[in-house]
Each structure stands twice: as C-alpha cells, then as structure tokens.
Amino acid sequence: MIAAAPHPFFTYSAEVLVWRLGGGQASPLPPTAAPEATAARAARVLRALGARRRIALLGLGSGDLAAALAAALPPDTILDAICLAPETARQALAAGRLSWLAPNSPAQLVADASAQAACQLLWANGLTPENALVTVNPEPADPAEVKGLALVRRLLTAGRRLPDPAPTPARPFLPTLALLARSDEPALGAFFEAARGLASQAVIVWDAPEVPPAAEAAAALDVPVRHLARPLAGDFAAQRNALLAACPSGWVLSLDPDERPGPGFAAAVARIMACPEAGAAYFPRLTLYPDPGRAKVSHGLWPDWQLRLFRTDAVPGPRYVRPLHERLENHPGATVLALDAPILHFNRLLADAAGVAGKLEAFSRVAGAARHHLSADYPTLPLDFFASLAPSGGPGRCLLLPPGL
C-alpha cells in the first residue's frame, strides 16, 4: 500500500522550521497554564464551534491549548494552529508540547513569520468564514506576532470568494501591458514570448537616454507597442509613474522582465477585469531557486503578493510612492487576490550571483534604504507542492480582500 502524502501544512511547516533566520535569541515559551484553565478554554472554543467543522487557532502560545483542542476534536473536525513566530514552534517541538502533530493528523501546524503565507495556505486548503471558527489564543505572545495574527484574523474573516465566472467571451477585453526594461536584461525575448496574448497593447519605458535596439524584441508581443526612454536615476517610483502617465486610461498589467505568467494567470486577469467591484489585483509570486523546479518559502519569500493589475480611470488615479520597494497607492475599487494564478520570478536564475549582489548593493545606496544582502541559503519547496494547492480543473479561485490593505 502506498502511504498517503503528508498534509500540505505539515510539509510546508517542516521546511520552514528546519531553517533559522539570523542568530537572535527567541523569547521563552509562555509557562504552561493550570490544566483546569486550559480545559476550560478548550471547552469554550468547542462550544463556540457550533455546526462548523474547522478551528483556526491564532497563536501557539505554550502549545497547551492546541494540545487540549487536538485531544478533544469532534469527529470530522480540523484544527489549524497558526504560529507566526517559527522559533516559538521550534521550542515547542523540542519541549515535546506538539505531540499531537503528525503528517496526516486532523490537527496541523501552520508555521511561518509571514501572515500572507498563513492566509494563502489556509485559503488554498478551503478555509472560509462560513466553515471555520477563527479564534485567538489568549496566551501571551510577542507583540510582532500579535500584530501579524490580527492581520490574519482580519483577512480570514473578511475576505470573500468571488463567484465562479460566467463563460468567457470569445474575445475578452485585455489590459495594457506596462514594463520597465533595460537593454541588457537577460532573456528579454523570452519575456515577450511568454507575455504574448496577455494585453491588447504595451508601453515600455527603457532605462536609457534613448530607445535601444533591444526594443525590437517586443515585436514578439504581436500588439502595438509604445517605446519611451528615461534614465532610472535610482527612483523606481518616478520611473513607474512616468510609465503610468504614458498608458491609456483603463486596466494596466504591470510585469517585470524577469517574471513570467504562471498557470491560470491569463484566465485570472480576464476574470478580475470582468468583476464590476474590482479595481486592482494581487498575484502570488513564486521565486524560482535554486533551479526551475523549486521556489523559495518562509519569512516573506512566498507568497509575496504582488499588486500587478489595476485600473487607472479614476481621479486622481493610482500613483507609486517610495524610490525603492515602490508601492502603488490610490487605486480605485475593491482589491482581489488571484489565489491560484502565480507569477513565476526568474530573477535568481537569470542573473549570476555577482549581478544580484551588485543590484542589492545599488539598492542599499538609495537614500533612506535599509542594508540589503544576499543570503546563501533559503528553504525551498518543489513547484509540484504549490500546484497541488490549486484545484484540478475549473477556474482558479479569486478572493475579494477587505479594504485598507
């Protein structure tokens, strides 16, 4: 008999927990509560569960409440213990406080410092506000984790799934592709080939005093392309704002030359643009490393949501801020997450290590920037793992996110 594959949460958390970021000392685990107090807390959670069959416990704490809930779970009920402090989870494992955790147990641990990763995993595994009780562990926690767990709670309880789409028109409306590029971009031709069919037109701003001969490769898009030249001068927000100013009013799809659309990407773009409420959309991004078959995870490396599709037909309209790690503000309408439509990020595979280190050094010289460095090691998972999180067949899932993110 072939053994069942481990639960995806078990696989993911195991990869995160074998890798430690930095060498700082973690806070000690909270002391265990009196057994009577823990039992009373668990009983209150189970009473609040009602007809639902899933508990999302925000925070691991000492591990006692998760253990009590795991021991008392009703039949066909799931427990997700979410920990945004991986060192806490490591300590709890070492102390024997997670004895309930097994590869396929109904109680699972979701461990990562990233609130995005926790939500992405839980949503991908089918958690909804209707089928799950989202409850906070009252035991003490680090203030940074408390803040992250508050975001997780808000997203899990307020995010709602878009209904499955109507049949796509034979010729769906397409956005304008907006691109910042350099003439020495590696594999630029491969980008244009991969982006063919995503847009009805394109605008490209080249980091150069004049449009370079490399612009000819954009013919592979097979749509009208407008080329502009403008030196970057270390200000990505200003460069992207110049790009937006050159785009016609309407929907804009912003991609980078070292990115490629993943499975389901084009269908998600069409679906989001057809949603009357939508004004912008995030896409999860998989940074491929150390080879094309694996991607980085942990500490914000995944899902690394990227706001890449948005409308520009409002007044005053969207605008980028911050010279480095620029952020789009002022986009109209509701924000959508295309849960199952990743962007594939080839930056570490297309550029040599010296080139990446040089780019990070340039980032560090931008006024007000934090020091950037290249880590020698990252936790990774195979792309098959991420593909297994998406439903097989049918449209990918999209969620309307709460405002203000």
Protein backbone atom coordinates (compact mmCIF):
# COMPACT_ATOMS: atom_id res chain seq x y z
CA MET A 1 0.00 0.00 0.00
CA ILE A 2 1.29 3.46 -0.92
CA ALA A 3 1.49 5.78 2.09
CA ALA A 4 -0.62 8.92 1.91
CA ALA A 5 1.26 12.12 1.18
CA PRO A 6 1.72 14.35 4.23
CA HIS A 7 -0.75 17.17 4.77
CA PRO A 8 0.47 20.27 2.88
CA PHE A 9 0.65 22.25 6.15
CA PHE A 10 2.94 19.58 7.62
CA THR A 11 5.20 19.67 4.55
CA TYR A 12 5.33 23.46 4.48
CA SER A 13 5.92 23.98 8.21
CA ALA A 14 8.61 21.30 8.31
CA GLU A 15 10.56 23.12 5.59
CA VAL A 16 10.20 26.45 7.40
CA LEU A 17 11.24 25.10 10.79
CA VAL A 18 14.47 23.46 9.64
CA TRP A 19 15.78 26.88 8.56
CA ARG A 20 16.55 29.66 11.01
CA LEU A 21 16.76 33.36 10.04
CA GLY A 22 19.56 35.12 11.91
CA GLY A 23 21.01 34.10 15.25
CA GLY A 24 18.96 36.08 17.72
CA GLN A 25 17.53 34.55 20.86
CA ALA A 26 13.79 33.92 20.91
CA SER A 27 11.59 34.74 23.85
CA PRO A 28 11.00 31.76 26.13
CA LEU A 29 7.79 29.80 25.75
CA PRO A 30 4.92 31.03 27.91
CA PRO A 31 4.58 28.94 31.07
CA THR A 32 2.02 26.19 30.95
CA ALA A 33 -1.34 27.10 32.43
CA ALA A 34 -3.12 25.08 35.07
CA PRO A 35 -4.73 22.04 33.41
CA GLU A 36 -8.16 23.17 34.62
CA ALA A 37 -7.75 26.58 32.96
CA THR A 38 -6.61 25.04 29.68
CA ALA A 39 -9.51 22.57 29.71
CA ALA A 40 -11.97 25.41 30.32
CA ARG A 41 -10.52 27.42 27.42
CA ALA A 42 -10.75 24.43 25.10
CA ALA A 43 -14.35 23.78 26.15
CA ARG A 44 -15.30 27.39 25.36
CA VAL A 45 -13.77 27.12 21.89
CA LEU A 46 -15.60 23.86 21.17
CA ARG A 47 -18.91 25.33 22.32
CA ALA A 48 -18.40 28.32 20.02
CA LEU A 49 -17.66 25.99 17.12
CA GLY A 50 -21.34 25.22 16.58
CA ALA A 51 -22.03 23.43 13.29
CA ARG A 52 -18.66 24.39 11.81
CA ARG A 53 -16.03 21.72 11.38
CA ARG A 54 -12.83 23.73 11.44
CA ILE A 55 -10.94 25.72 14.09
CA ALA A 56 -8.24 28.23 13.16
CA LEU A 57 -6.34 28.90 16.39
CA LEU A 58 -4.37 32.13 16.07
CA GLY A 59 -1.19 31.71 18.08
CA LEU A 60 0.57 28.68 19.50
CA GLY A 61 1.47 30.09 22.91
CA SER A 62 2.73 27.36 25.22
CA GLY A 63 1.16 24.72 23.00
CA ASP A 64 -1.23 23.63 25.75
CA LEU A 65 -4.45 24.97 24.24
CA ALA A 66 -3.68 23.45 20.84
CA ALA A 67 -2.96 20.11 22.54
CA ALA A 68 -6.22 20.24 24.50
CA LEU A 69 -8.21 21.05 21.37
CA ALA A 70 -6.46 18.34 19.36
CA ALA A 71 -7.32 15.78 22.03
CA ALA A 72 -10.99 16.82 22.17
CA LEU A 73 -11.72 17.45 18.48
CA PRO A 74 -15.16 16.19 17.45
CA PRO A 75 -15.24 13.68 14.56
CA ASP A 76 -14.54 15.14 11.10
CA THR A 77 -13.25 18.39 12.63
CA ILE A 78 -9.99 20.11 11.70
CA LEU A 79 -7.66 22.18 13.88
CA ASP A 80 -5.23 24.64 12.28
CA ALA A 81 -2.77 26.07 14.83
CA ILE A 82 -1.22 29.18 13.27
CA CYS A 83 2.17 30.35 14.55
CA LEU A 84 3.85 33.46 13.11
CA ALA A 85 6.90 33.02 15.35
CA PRO A 86 8.78 30.00 13.94
CA GLU A 87 11.25 29.96 16.83
CA THR A 88 8.33 29.51 19.23
CA ALA A 89 7.21 26.47 17.23
CA ARG A 90 10.76 25.07 17.29
CA GLN A 91 10.92 25.43 21.06
CA ALA A 92 7.50 23.84 21.49
CA LEU A 93 8.57 20.88 19.35
CA ALA A 94 11.80 20.48 21.30
CA ALA A 95 9.89 20.62 24.59
CA GLY A 96 7.50 17.87 23.49
CA ARG A 97 4.47 20.17 23.51
CA LEU A 98 3.36 19.32 19.97
CA SER A 99 2.92 15.57 20.43
CA TRP A 100 -0.45 15.85 18.65
CA LEU A 101 1.24 16.82 15.38
CA ALA A 102 1.66 14.09 12.74
CA PRO A 103 1.93 14.09 8.93
CA ASN A 104 -1.77 13.37 8.40
CA SER A 105 -3.40 14.22 11.72
CA PRO A 106 -6.60 16.33 11.78
CA ALA A 107 -4.69 18.88 13.86
CA GLN A 108 -1.98 20.67 11.88
CA LEU A 109 0.54 23.45 12.45
CA VAL A 110 0.92 26.41 10.07
CA ALA A 111 4.31 27.95 10.91
CA ASP A 112 5.85 30.93 9.13
CA ALA A 113 6.68 34.52 10.04
CA SER A 114 4.50 35.67 7.11
CA ALA A 115 0.82 36.46 7.63
CA GLN A 116 0.41 36.23 3.86
CA ALA A 117 1.74 32.66 3.84
CA ALA A 118 -0.64 31.60 6.60
CA CYS A 119 -3.65 33.04 4.78
CA GLN A 120 -2.57 31.68 1.39
CA LEU A 121 -2.22 28.16 2.81
CA LEU A 122 -5.49 28.26 4.75
CA TRP A 123 -7.50 29.67 1.84
CA ALA A 124 -5.93 27.19 -0.57
CA ASN A 125 -6.94 24.39 1.80
CA GLY A 126 -10.56 25.51 1.72
CA LEU A 127 -10.97 27.62 4.86
CA THR A 128 -13.85 30.12 4.64
CA PRO A 129 -15.59 32.36 7.19
CA GLU A 130 -18.58 30.04 6.92
CA ASN A 131 -16.84 26.73 7.65
CA ALA A 132 -14.30 27.79 10.27
CA LEU A 133 -14.19 29.34 13.72
CA VAL A 134 -11.27 31.79 13.78
CA THR A 135 -10.26 32.30 17.40
CA VAL A 136 -7.33 33.92 19.20
CA ASN A 137 -5.17 32.01 21.66
CA PRO A 138 -5.28 34.15 24.83
CA GLU A 139 -1.80 33.11 25.98
CA PRO A 140 0.95 35.76 25.84
CA ALA A 141 2.78 36.28 22.54
CA ASP A 142 5.44 38.55 21.08
CA PRO A 143 3.98 41.96 20.04
CA ALA A 144 5.12 41.48 16.44
CA GLU A 145 3.32 38.15 16.27
CA VAL A 146 0.20 39.65 17.84
CA LYS A 147 0.15 42.28 15.09
CA GLY A 148 0.59 39.67 12.37
CA LEU A 149 -2.11 37.44 13.83
CA ALA A 150 -4.52 40.39 13.89
CA LEU A 151 -3.96 40.77 10.14
CA VAL A 152 -4.53 37.04 9.62
CA ARG A 153 -7.77 37.24 11.56
CA ARG A 154 -8.98 40.21 9.54
CA LEU A 155 -8.17 38.56 6.23
CA LEU A 156 -9.67 35.19 7.13
CA THR A 157 -12.90 36.63 8.49
CA ALA A 158 -13.47 39.44 5.97
CA GLY A 159 -12.11 38.01 2.72
CA ARG A 160 -14.78 36.52 0.48
CA ARG A 161 -14.55 34.39 -2.60
CA LEU A 162 -15.64 35.70 -5.98
CA PRO A 163 -18.35 33.54 -7.55
CA ASP A 164 -17.25 31.28 -10.36
CA PRO A 165 -17.14 33.28 -13.60
CA ALA A 166 -19.65 33.26 -16.42
CA PRO A 167 -18.39 31.80 -19.70
CA THR A 168 -15.55 33.95 -21.01
CA PRO A 169 -16.40 35.94 -24.16
CA ALA A 170 -14.75 34.77 -27.35
CA ARG A 171 -12.66 37.96 -27.36
CA PRO A 172 -12.25 39.17 -23.75
CA PHE A 173 -11.15 42.73 -23.09
CA LEU A 174 -7.39 42.89 -22.47
CA PRO A 175 -5.28 45.31 -20.41
CA THR A 176 -2.32 47.45 -21.40
CA LEU A 177 1.00 45.79 -20.56
CA ALA A 178 3.32 48.22 -18.70
CA LEU A 179 7.00 47.35 -18.49
CA LEU A 180 10.23 48.90 -17.20
CA ALA A 181 13.23 47.46 -19.03
CA ARG A 182 16.96 47.73 -19.62
CA SER A 183 18.73 46.84 -22.85
CA ASP A 184 20.92 44.30 -21.00
CA GLU A 185 18.01 42.40 -19.43
CA PRO A 186 18.76 38.67 -19.67
CA ALA A 187 16.23 36.58 -21.63
CA LEU A 188 14.20 39.64 -22.62
CA GLY A 189 12.98 37.85 -25.73
CA ALA A 190 11.64 35.01 -23.58
CA PHE A 191 9.64 37.53 -21.55
CA PHE A 192 7.95 38.94 -24.64
CA GLU A 193 7.14 35.45 -25.90
CA ALA A 194 5.62 34.48 -22.54
CA ALA A 195 3.57 37.70 -22.34
CA ARG A 196 2.05 37.32 -25.81
CA GLY A 197 -1.74 37.25 -25.57
CA LEU A 198 -1.93 38.97 -22.17
CA ALA A 199 -2.50 42.52 -23.45
CA SER A 200 -4.03 44.50 -26.30
CA GLN A 201 -1.11 46.94 -26.36
CA ALA A 202 2.09 47.66 -24.46
CA VAL A 203 4.06 50.62 -23.14
CA ILE A 204 7.75 50.14 -22.33
CA VAL A 205 10.00 52.67 -20.59
CA TRP A 206 13.68 51.92 -21.12
CA ASP A 207 16.31 52.83 -18.54
CA ALA A 208 18.40 54.62 -21.15
CA PRO A 209 18.86 58.07 -22.74
CA GLU A 210 17.33 56.74 -25.98
CA VAL A 211 15.32 53.69 -27.05
CA PRO A 212 17.85 50.85 -27.57
CA PRO A 213 17.96 48.29 -30.41
CA ALA A 214 16.77 45.68 -27.89
CA ALA A 215 13.31 47.23 -28.28
CA GLU A 216 12.90 45.25 -31.50
CA ALA A 217 12.35 42.09 -29.42
CA ALA A 218 8.98 43.49 -28.29
CA ALA A 219 7.59 42.64 -31.73
CA ALA A 220 7.04 39.15 -30.30
CA LEU A 221 4.10 40.57 -28.32
CA ASP A 222 2.24 40.92 -31.63
CA VAL A 223 0.41 44.06 -30.42
CA PRO A 224 1.08 47.80 -30.80
CA VAL A 225 3.98 48.86 -28.56
CA ARG A 226 4.97 52.38 -27.49
CA HIS A 227 8.64 52.76 -26.53
CA LEU A 228 9.96 55.58 -24.31
CA ALA A 229 13.46 56.26 -22.96
CA ARG A 230 14.08 57.68 -19.49
CA PRO A 231 17.11 57.08 -17.22
CA LEU A 232 16.07 55.47 -13.93
CA ALA A 233 18.30 57.66 -11.74
CA GLY A 234 17.68 55.43 -8.71
CA ASP A 235 13.98 56.29 -8.35
CA PHE A 236 11.70 53.38 -9.21
CA ALA A 237 8.52 55.20 -8.16
CA ALA A 238 9.23 58.12 -10.50
CA GLN A 239 10.05 55.70 -13.32
CA ARG A 240 6.82 53.75 -12.83
CA ASN A 241 4.79 56.96 -12.61
CA ALA A 242 6.25 58.04 -15.95
CA LEU A 243 5.23 54.64 -17.30
CA LEU A 244 1.67 55.02 -15.99
CA ALA A 245 1.41 58.50 -17.48
CA ALA A 246 2.16 57.01 -20.90
CA CYS A 247 -0.50 54.29 -20.60
CA PRO A 248 -4.05 54.92 -21.84
CA SER A 249 -6.79 55.09 -19.24
CA GLY A 250 -8.20 51.71 -18.24
CA TRP A 251 -6.77 48.44 -16.96
CA VAL A 252 -2.98 48.14 -16.70
CA LEU A 253 -0.98 44.94 -16.20
CA SER A 254 2.47 45.65 -14.76
CA LEU A 255 5.10 42.93 -15.03
CA ASP A 256 8.90 42.87 -14.71
CA PRO A 257 11.23 41.40 -17.37
CA ASP A 258 12.38 38.61 -15.02
CA GLU A 259 8.78 37.43 -14.45
CA ARG A 260 6.60 35.03 -16.41
CA PRO A 261 2.85 34.35 -16.13
CA GLY A 262 2.19 31.03 -14.39
CA PRO A 263 -0.66 28.55 -14.87
CA GLY A 264 -4.09 30.20 -14.87
CA PHE A 265 -2.69 33.73 -15.00
CA ALA A 266 -4.38 34.92 -18.20
CA ALA A 267 -7.75 33.46 -17.14
CA ALA A 268 -7.50 35.20 -13.76
CA VAL A 269 -6.74 38.55 -15.41
CA ALA A 270 -9.82 38.26 -17.63
CA ARG A 271 -11.99 37.20 -14.71
CA ILE A 272 -10.89 40.06 -12.47
CA MET A 273 -11.38 42.65 -15.21
CA ALA A 274 -14.93 41.34 -15.69
CA CYS A 275 -15.77 41.86 -11.99
CA PRO A 276 -17.59 45.22 -11.56
CA GLU A 277 -16.31 45.65 -7.99
CA ALA A 278 -12.65 45.05 -8.76
CA GLY A 279 -10.14 47.85 -9.16
CA ALA A 280 -6.85 46.07 -8.51
CA ALA A 281 -5.47 42.58 -8.01
CA TYR A 282 -2.64 40.84 -6.20
CA PHE A 283 -0.97 37.73 -7.59
CA PRO A 284 1.18 35.31 -5.57
CA ARG A 285 4.77 35.18 -6.78
CA LEU A 286 7.00 32.11 -6.83
CA THR A 287 10.70 32.98 -6.82
CA LEU A 288 12.39 30.04 -8.51
CA TYR A 289 15.54 28.81 -6.76
CA PRO A 290 17.95 27.02 -6.88
CA ASP A 291 16.54 25.58 -10.14
CA PRO A 292 13.36 25.97 -12.23
CA GLY A 293 11.65 23.16 -10.31
CA ARG A 294 11.71 24.72 -6.83
CA ALA A 295 10.70 28.02 -5.20
CA LYS A 296 11.69 29.90 -2.07
CA VAL A 297 9.46 29.87 1.01
CA SER A 298 9.42 31.34 4.54
CA HIS A 299 9.83 34.82 6.03
CA GLY A 300 8.02 36.68 3.24
CA LEU A 301 9.66 34.85 0.32
CA TRP A 302 6.27 33.31 -0.52
CA PRO A 303 3.51 34.06 -1.41
CA ASP A 304 4.99 37.56 -1.84
CA TRP A 305 1.70 39.05 -3.13
CA GLN A 306 2.31 41.48 -5.98
CA LEU A 307 -0.20 44.21 -6.97
CA ARG A 308 0.12 43.97 -10.75
CA LEU A 309 -3.32 44.54 -12.29
CA PHE A 310 -5.22 47.79 -11.66
CA ARG A 311 -7.48 50.41 -13.16
CA THR A 312 -6.21 53.91 -13.94
CA ASP A 313 -9.51 55.53 -14.92
CA ALA A 314 -10.21 57.24 -11.59
CA VAL A 315 -9.32 60.77 -10.46
CA PRO A 316 -6.72 61.49 -9.11
CA GLY A 317 -5.73 57.95 -10.11
CA PRO A 318 -3.12 55.48 -8.84
CA ARG A 319 0.44 56.58 -8.19
CA TYR A 320 3.63 54.92 -6.98
CA VAL A 321 5.43 56.12 -3.85
CA ARG A 322 8.92 55.40 -2.42
CA PRO A 323 12.04 55.40 -4.64
CA LEU A 324 12.88 51.83 -3.58
CA HIS A 325 10.44 48.96 -2.96
CA GLU A 326 7.86 51.20 -4.58
CA ARG A 327 4.20 50.80 -3.65
CA LEU A 328 1.08 51.65 -5.63
CA GLU A 329 -1.46 53.87 -3.86
CA ASN A 330 -4.85 55.36 -4.73
CA HIS A 331 -6.15 52.61 -6.97
CA PRO A 332 -9.97 52.56 -7.26
CA GLY A 333 -12.38 49.76 -6.46
CA ALA A 334 -12.02 46.60 -4.42
CA THR A 335 -8.79 44.59 -4.28
CA VAL A 336 -8.75 40.97 -5.39
CA LEU A 337 -6.28 38.16 -4.68
CA ALA A 338 -5.86 35.70 -7.57
CA LEU A 339 -5.18 32.78 -5.24
CA ASP A 340 -4.28 30.16 -7.85
CA ALA A 341 -2.61 32.30 -10.56
CA PRO A 342 1.08 32.73 -9.72
CA ILE A 343 3.74 34.91 -11.25
CA LEU A 344 6.97 32.96 -11.79
CA HIS A 345 10.00 35.01 -10.72
CA PHE A 346 13.23 34.06 -12.51
CA ASN A 347 15.49 36.73 -11.03
CA ARG A 348 17.95 34.36 -9.32
CA LEU A 349 18.04 32.01 -12.30
CA LEU A 350 18.59 34.66 -14.97
CA ALA A 351 21.22 36.73 -13.14
CA ASP A 352 24.50 35.44 -11.75
CA ALA A 353 25.19 35.82 -8.03
CA ALA A 354 27.61 38.70 -8.61
CA GLY A 355 24.96 40.56 -10.60
CA VAL A 356 22.32 40.06 -7.92
CA ALA A 357 24.75 41.16 -5.21
CA GLY A 358 25.57 44.27 -7.24
CA LYS A 359 21.89 45.10 -7.61
CA LEU A 360 21.35 44.74 -3.85
CA GLU A 361 24.35 46.97 -3.20
CA ALA A 362 22.82 49.60 -5.50
CA PHE A 363 19.53 49.32 -3.58
CA SER A 364 21.40 49.87 -0.32
CA ARG A 365 22.85 53.15 -1.62
CA VAL A 366 19.39 54.67 -2.19
CA ALA A 367 18.74 57.39 0.39
CA GLY A 368 16.95 56.01 3.43
CA ALA A 369 17.21 52.37 2.33
CA ALA A 370 17.96 49.55 4.72
CA ARG A 371 21.05 47.44 4.12
CA HIS A 372 20.37 44.64 1.60
CA HIS A 373 22.34 41.39 1.49
CA LEU A 374 22.21 38.07 -0.35
CA SER A 375 21.64 35.01 1.82
CA ALA A 376 23.50 31.86 0.89
CA ASP A 377 20.67 29.51 1.78
CA TYR A 378 16.88 29.50 1.59
CA PRO A 379 14.16 26.99 2.40
CA THR A 380 12.53 25.80 -0.82
CA LEU A 381 9.73 23.50 -1.98
CA PRO A 382 9.10 21.86 -5.36
CA LEU A 383 6.69 23.56 -7.75
CA ASP A 384 4.54 20.42 -7.60
CA PHE A 385 3.77 21.33 -3.98
CA PHE A 386 2.32 24.71 -5.00
CA ALA A 387 0.44 23.18 -7.94
CA SER A 388 -1.17 20.70 -5.54
CA LEU A 389 -2.68 23.60 -3.56
CA ALA A 390 -4.80 24.67 -6.55
CA PRO A 391 -7.96 22.81 -7.57
CA SER A 392 -7.59 20.46 -10.51
CA GLY A 393 -9.83 21.64 -13.32
CA GLY A 394 -12.25 24.54 -13.24
CA PRO A 395 -11.46 28.21 -12.70
CA GLY A 396 -8.83 29.33 -10.24
CA ARG A 397 -10.08 30.90 -7.03
CA CYS A 398 -10.19 34.68 -6.54
CA LEU A 399 -10.95 36.46 -3.28
CA LEU A 400 -12.15 39.98 -2.56
CA LEU A 401 -9.90 41.33 0.19
CA PRO A 402 -11.02 43.73 2.93
CA PRO A 403 -10.25 47.41 2.25
CA GLY A 404 -7.18 49.19 3.54
CA LEU A 405 -4.52 46.56 2.92
